[in-house]
């Protein structure tokens, strides 16, 4: 197993509400020096909400960096120190308005380990129900304008093939969901 390289210098370039950008000066194992530009992110959860009939709920929302709306799995950033399983249940209620009775981890991935330390934790959520009196309230974030819809796994694969699903975390989750 590789041992982590301890940076000799860390320069914080940017600190935002979701992530921080740092430049870390390190000495490589073969002796060279590198100024590594790194996005530090607290991690995220990716939801695979499964309806009673086995369909997967996707959300459609506008993504400004690519200038269009996309269908994708619901997801959200972790608060610092937040338990990912609890965050998955919270995000389910916030993004699609449903409360899961079961939240099971199916895997985790680093989407861009060359420059970002974000770990995406994928969860299958089942037993979905609408909130009832006594449930904690959860609302979408202010900047979210979300449409949700359930699709079969076959429909999702066809959407990838047609270029309608372009979100990498959603495509990656299809690995765990499987083929129809």
C-alpha atoms as a PDB file:
ATOM      1  CA  UNK A   1       0.000   0.000   0.000  1.00  0.00           C
ATOM      2  CA  UNK A   2       1.230   3.479  -0.855  1.00  0.00           C
ATOM      3  CA  UNK A   3       2.131   5.790   1.968  1.00  0.00           C
ATOM      4  CA  UNK A   4       0.673   9.288   1.734  1.00  0.00           C
ATOM      5  CA  UNK A   5       3.130  11.987   0.767  1.00  0.00           C
ATOM      6  CA  UNK A   6       3.245  14.804   3.303  1.00  0.00           C
ATOM      7  CA  UNK A   7       3.199  18.226   1.627  1.00  0.00           C
ATOM      8  CA  UNK A   8       6.031  20.621   2.443  1.00  0.00           C
ATOM      9  CA  UNK A   9       3.803  23.629   1.788  1.00  0.00           C
ATOM     10  CA  UNK A  10       0.043  24.181   1.503  1.00  0.00           C
ATOM     11  CA  UNK A  11      -1.376  27.346  -0.028  1.00  0.00           C
ATOM     12  CA  UNK A  12      -5.144  27.881   0.173  1.00  0.00           C
ATOM     13  CA  UNK A  13      -6.194  29.560  -3.073  1.00  0.00           C
ATOM     14  CA  UNK A  14      -9.981  29.565  -2.663  1.00  0.00           C
ATOM     15  CA  UNK A  15     -12.514  28.642   0.004  1.00  0.00           C
ATOM     16  CA  UNK A  16     -16.162  28.356  -1.014  1.00  0.00           C
ATOM     17  CA  UNK A  17     -19.301  26.968   0.547  1.00  0.00           C
ATOM     18  CA  UNK A  18     -18.805  23.523  -1.026  1.00  0.00           C
ATOM     19  CA  UNK A  19     -15.079  23.058  -1.595  1.00  0.00           C
ATOM     20  CA  UNK A  20     -11.609  24.527  -1.085  1.00  0.00           C
ATOM     21  CA  UNK A  21      -8.808  24.773  -3.640  1.00  0.00           C
ATOM     22  CA  UNK A  22      -5.234  24.306  -2.427  1.00  0.00           C
ATOM     23  CA  UNK A  23      -1.805  24.161  -4.013  1.00  0.00           C
ATOM     24  CA  UNK A  24       0.347  21.625  -2.197  1.00  0.00           C
ATOM     25  CA  UNK A  25       4.083  21.382  -2.801  1.00  0.00           C
ATOM     26  CA  UNK A  26       5.228  17.767  -2.512  1.00  0.00           C
ATOM     27  CA  UNK A  27       8.321  15.693  -3.191  1.00  0.00           C
ATOM     28  CA  UNK A  28       7.489  12.713  -5.397  1.00  0.00           C
ATOM     29  CA  UNK A  29       8.728   9.197  -4.532  1.00  0.00           C
ATOM     30  CA  UNK A  30      11.416   9.411  -7.259  1.00  0.00           C
ATOM     31  CA  UNK A  31      12.620  12.787  -5.955  1.00  0.00           C
ATOM     32  CA  UNK A  32      10.951  15.339  -8.211  1.00  0.00           C
ATOM     33  CA  UNK A  33       8.899  18.219  -6.809  1.00  0.00           C
ATOM     34  CA  UNK A  34       5.312  18.935  -7.748  1.00  0.00           C
ATOM     35  CA  UNK A  35       2.891  21.739  -7.050  1.00  0.00           C
ATOM     36  CA  UNK A  36      -0.371  19.780  -6.912  1.00  0.00           C
ATOM     37  CA  UNK A  37      -3.547  21.793  -7.455  1.00  0.00           C
ATOM     38  CA  UNK A  38      -6.212  20.057  -5.372  1.00  0.00           C
ATOM     39  CA  UNK A  39      -9.913  20.550  -4.857  1.00  0.00           C
ATOM     40  CA  UNK A  40     -10.708  19.549  -1.249  1.00  0.00           C
ATOM     41  CA  UNK A  41     -14.323  18.403  -0.903  1.00  0.00           C
ATOM     42  CA  UNK A  42     -16.094  16.944   2.165  1.00  0.00           C
ATOM     43  CA  UNK A  43     -17.549  14.090   0.101  1.00  0.00           C
ATOM     44  CA  UNK A  44     -21.008  13.397  -1.203  1.00  0.00           C
ATOM     45  CA  UNK A  45     -23.814  10.898  -1.341  1.00  0.00           C
ATOM     46  CA  UNK A  46     -25.387   9.564  -4.521  1.00  0.00           C
ATOM     47  CA  UNK A  47     -28.869   8.129  -4.189  1.00  0.00           C
ATOM     48  CA  UNK A  48     -30.335   5.192  -6.068  1.00  0.00           C
ATOM     49  CA  UNK A  49     -33.985   5.548  -4.975  1.00  0.00           C
ATOM     50  CA  UNK A  50     -35.863   2.386  -5.978  1.00  0.00           C
ATOM     51  CA  UNK A  51     -39.652   2.458  -6.240  1.00  0.00           C
ATOM     52  CA  UNK A  52     -41.830  -0.464  -5.174  1.00  0.00           C
ATOM     53  CA  UNK A  53     -41.997  -1.680  -8.787  1.00  0.00           C
ATOM     54  CA  UNK A  54     -38.200  -1.529  -9.238  1.00  0.00           C
ATOM     55  CA  UNK A  55     -37.884   1.724 -11.170  1.00  0.00           C
ATOM     56  CA  UNK A  56     -35.161   4.246 -10.319  1.00  0.00           C
ATOM     57  CA  UNK A  57     -36.019   7.864  -9.557  1.00  0.00           C
ATOM     58  CA  UNK A  58     -33.916  10.406 -11.421  1.00  0.00           C
ATOM     59  CA  UNK A  59     -33.980  14.170 -11.118  1.00  0.00           C
ATOM     60  CA  UNK A  60     -33.723  16.716 -13.892  1.00  0.00           C
ATOM     61  CA  UNK A  61     -32.087  20.004 -13.060  1.00  0.00           C
ATOM     62  CA  UNK A  62     -30.202  22.804 -14.729  1.00  0.00           C
ATOM     63  CA  UNK A  63     -26.421  22.531 -14.457  1.00  0.00           C
ATOM     64  CA  UNK A  64     -24.883  25.908 -15.225  1.00  0.00           C
ATOM     65  CA  UNK A  65     -21.294  24.712 -15.858  1.00  0.00           C
ATOM     66  CA  UNK A  66     -22.529  22.752 -18.911  1.00  0.00           C
ATOM     67  CA  UNK A  67     -25.359  25.150 -19.769  1.00  0.00           C
ATOM     68  CA  UNK A  68     -28.225  22.670 -19.819  1.00  0.00           C
ATOM     69  CA  UNK A  69     -30.600  20.549 -17.782  1.00  0.00           C
ATOM     70  CA  UNK A  70     -29.680  16.908 -17.238  1.00  0.00           C
ATOM     71  CA  UNK A  71     -31.279  13.742 -15.890  1.00  0.00           C
ATOM     72  CA  UNK A  72     -29.197  12.326 -13.050  1.00  0.00           C
ATOM     73  CA  UNK A  73     -29.397  10.444  -9.786  1.00  0.00           C
ATOM     74  CA  UNK A  74     -30.177  12.666  -6.797  1.00  0.00           C
ATOM     75  CA  UNK A  75     -27.054  13.571  -4.833  1.00  0.00           C
ATOM     76  CA  UNK A  76     -25.719  16.014  -2.318  1.00  0.00           C
ATOM     77  CA  UNK A  77     -22.593  17.137  -0.525  1.00  0.00           C
ATOM     78  CA  UNK A  78     -21.870  16.004   3.000  1.00  0.00           C
ATOM     79  CA  UNK A  79     -21.685  18.516   5.795  1.00  0.00           C
ATOM     80  CA  UNK A  80     -18.276  18.300   7.519  1.00  0.00           C
ATOM     81  CA  UNK A  81     -18.388  15.272   9.832  1.00  0.00           C
ATOM     82  CA  UNK A  82     -21.862  14.162   8.656  1.00  0.00           C
ATOM     83  CA  UNK A  83     -22.659  10.441   8.565  1.00  0.00           C
ATOM     84  CA  UNK A  84     -23.089   9.522   4.863  1.00  0.00           C
ATOM     85  CA  UNK A  85     -25.953   7.076   5.491  1.00  0.00           C
ATOM     86  CA  UNK A  86     -27.937   9.732   7.372  1.00  0.00           C
ATOM     87  CA  UNK A  87     -27.077  12.269   4.665  1.00  0.00           C
ATOM     88  CA  UNK A  88     -28.469   9.905   2.020  1.00  0.00           C
ATOM     89  CA  UNK A  89     -31.807   9.706   3.845  1.00  0.00           C
ATOM     90  CA  UNK A  90     -31.838  13.501   4.300  1.00  0.00           C
ATOM     91  CA  UNK A  91     -31.054  14.162   0.646  1.00  0.00           C
ATOM     92  CA  UNK A  92     -33.775  11.727  -0.448  1.00  0.00           C
ATOM     93  CA  UNK A  93     -36.389  13.747   1.387  1.00  0.00           C
ATOM     94  CA  UNK A  94     -34.935  17.104   0.273  1.00  0.00           C
ATOM     95  CA  UNK A  95     -34.507  16.247  -3.407  1.00  0.00           C
ATOM     96  CA  UNK A  96     -37.445  13.956  -4.213  1.00  0.00           C
ATOM     97  CA  UNK A  97     -39.740  14.464  -1.221  1.00  0.00           C
ATOM     98  CA  UNK A  98     -39.668  10.831  -0.096  1.00  0.00           C
ATOM     99  CA  UNK A  99     -38.446   9.141   3.072  1.00  0.00           C
ATOM    100  CA  UNK A 100     -36.677   5.764   2.710  1.00  0.00           C
ATOM    101  CA  UNK A 101     -37.217   2.922   5.161  1.00  0.00           C
ATOM    102  CA  UNK A 102     -33.964   1.288   4.059  1.00  0.00           C
ATOM    103  CA  UNK A 103     -30.630   2.915   3.129  1.00  0.00           C
ATOM    104  CA  UNK A 104     -27.894   0.491   2.016  1.00  0.00           C
ATOM    105  CA  UNK A 105     -24.419   1.395   0.771  1.00  0.00           C
ATOM    106  CA  UNK A 106     -23.603  -0.126  -2.602  1.00  0.00           C
ATOM    107  CA  UNK A 107     -20.160   1.357  -3.178  1.00  0.00           C
ATOM    108  CA  UNK A 108     -18.003   4.445  -3.362  1.00  0.00           C
ATOM    109  CA  UNK A 109     -15.900   6.115  -6.040  1.00  0.00           C
ATOM    110  CA  UNK A 110     -13.504   9.029  -6.449  1.00  0.00           C
ATOM    111  CA  UNK A 111     -14.764  10.760  -9.623  1.00  0.00           C
ATOM    112  CA  UNK A 112     -11.610  12.803 -10.367  1.00  0.00           C
ATOM    113  CA  UNK A 113      -8.711  11.637  -8.159  1.00  0.00           C
ATOM    114  CA  UNK A 114      -6.169  13.481 -10.283  1.00  0.00           C
ATOM    115  CA  UNK A 115      -7.212  16.825  -8.790  1.00  0.00           C
ATOM    116  CA  UNK A 116     -10.050  16.279  -6.307  1.00  0.00           C
ATOM    117  CA  UNK A 117     -10.380  14.267  -3.074  1.00  0.00           C
ATOM    118  CA  UNK A 118     -14.203  14.010  -3.189  1.00  0.00           C
ATOM    119  CA  UNK A 119     -15.452  10.530  -2.339  1.00  0.00           C
ATOM    120  CA  UNK A 120     -18.916   9.748  -3.680  1.00  0.00           C
ATOM    121  CA  UNK A 121     -20.822   7.267  -1.508  1.00  0.00           C
ATOM    122  CA  UNK A 122     -23.588   5.419  -3.390  1.00  0.00           C
ATOM    123  CA  UNK A 123     -26.705   4.229  -1.545  1.00  0.00           C
ATOM    124  CA  UNK A 124     -29.719   2.158  -2.617  1.00  0.00           C
ATOM    125  CA  UNK A 125     -32.841   3.570  -0.947  1.00  0.00           C
ATOM    126  CA  UNK A 126     -36.000   1.465  -0.762  1.00  0.00           C
ATOM    127  CA  UNK A 127     -39.311   1.504   1.049  1.00  0.00           C
ATOM    128  CA  UNK A 128     -39.926   5.070  -0.145  1.00  0.00           C
ATOM    129  CA  UNK A 129     -42.884   6.895   1.380  1.00  0.00           C
ATOM    130  CA  UNK A 130     -44.243  10.419   1.509  1.00  0.00           C
ATOM    131  CA  UNK A 131     -43.582  12.341   4.725  1.00  0.00           C
ATOM    132  CA  UNK A 132     -46.275  12.144   7.386  1.00  0.00           C
ATOM    133  CA  UNK A 133     -47.089  14.284  10.400  1.00  0.00           C
ATOM    134  CA  UNK A 134     -44.261  13.978  12.889  1.00  0.00           C
ATOM    135  CA  UNK A 135     -41.539  13.526  10.253  1.00  0.00           C
ATOM    136  CA  UNK A 136     -38.791  16.108  10.242  1.00  0.00           C
ATOM    137  CA  UNK A 137     -39.278  18.742   7.575  1.00  0.00           C
ATOM    138  CA  UNK A 138     -36.853  18.825   4.658  1.00  0.00           C
ATOM    139  CA  UNK A 139     -36.890  21.285   1.783  1.00  0.00           C
ATOM    140  CA  UNK A 140     -34.822  21.498  -1.403  1.00  0.00           C
ATOM    141  CA  UNK A 141     -31.916  23.926  -1.314  1.00  0.00           C
ATOM    142  CA  UNK A 142     -32.688  27.480  -2.457  1.00  0.00           C
ATOM    143  CA  UNK A 143     -30.768  27.019  -5.698  1.00  0.00           C
ATOM    144  CA  UNK A 144     -32.488  23.769  -6.690  1.00  0.00           C
ATOM    145  CA  UNK A 145     -35.307  23.607  -9.250  1.00  0.00           C
ATOM    146  CA  UNK A 146     -35.808  19.873  -9.524  1.00  0.00           C
ATOM    147  CA  UNK A 147     -38.157  17.640 -11.514  1.00  0.00           C
ATOM    148  CA  UNK A 148     -38.208  13.954 -10.556  1.00  0.00           C
ATOM    149  CA  UNK A 149     -39.370  10.917 -12.532  1.00  0.00           C
ATOM    150  CA  UNK A 150     -38.999   7.140 -12.225  1.00  0.00           C
ATOM    151  CA  UNK A 151     -37.378   5.122 -15.019  1.00  0.00           C
ATOM    152  CA  UNK A 152     -36.693   1.443 -15.604  1.00  0.00           C
ATOM    153  CA  UNK A 153     -33.058   0.371 -15.743  1.00  0.00           C
ATOM    154  CA  UNK A 154     -33.549  -0.389 -19.442  1.00  0.00           C
ATOM    155  CA  UNK A 155     -34.848   3.131 -20.047  1.00  0.00           C
ATOM    156  CA  UNK A 156     -31.825   4.547 -18.225  1.00  0.00           C
ATOM    157  CA  UNK A 157     -29.393   2.559 -20.381  1.00  0.00           C
ATOM    158  CA  UNK A 158     -31.193   3.778 -23.522  1.00  0.00           C
ATOM    159  CA  UNK A 159     -30.978   7.366 -22.218  1.00  0.00           C
ATOM    160  CA  UNK A 160     -27.201   6.962 -21.820  1.00  0.00           C
ATOM    161  CA  UNK A 161     -26.953   5.575 -25.361  1.00  0.00           C
ATOM    162  CA  UNK A 162     -28.937   8.557 -26.723  1.00  0.00           C
ATOM    163  CA  UNK A 163     -26.838  11.088 -24.772  1.00  0.00           C
ATOM    164  CA  UNK A 164     -29.738  12.060 -22.489  1.00  0.00           C
ATOM    165  CA  UNK A 165     -27.880  10.941 -19.361  1.00  0.00           C
ATOM    166  CA  UNK A 166     -24.425  12.546 -19.412  1.00  0.00           C
ATOM    167  CA  UNK A 167     -23.778  12.659 -15.671  1.00  0.00           C
ATOM    168  CA  UNK A 168     -20.866  10.382 -14.768  1.00  0.00           C
ATOM    169  CA  UNK A 169     -22.122   9.399 -11.294  1.00  0.00           C
ATOM    170  CA  UNK A 170     -25.393   8.195 -12.823  1.00  0.00           C
ATOM    171  CA  UNK A 171     -23.603   6.212 -15.515  1.00  0.00           C
ATOM    172  CA  UNK A 172     -21.272   4.729 -12.879  1.00  0.00           C
ATOM    173  CA  UNK A 173     -24.229   3.697 -10.700  1.00  0.00           C
ATOM    174  CA  UNK A 174     -25.593   1.671 -13.612  1.00  0.00           C
ATOM    175  CA  UNK A 175     -22.614  -0.634 -13.007  1.00  0.00           C
ATOM    176  CA  UNK A 176     -24.099  -1.593  -9.627  1.00  0.00           C
ATOM    177  CA  UNK A 177     -27.721  -1.468 -10.772  1.00  0.00           C
ATOM    178  CA  UNK A 178     -27.003  -3.822 -13.673  1.00  0.00           C
ATOM    179  CA  UNK A 179     -28.440  -4.472 -17.093  1.00  0.00           C
ATOM    180  CA  UNK A 180     -32.152  -5.196 -17.665  1.00  0.00           C
END
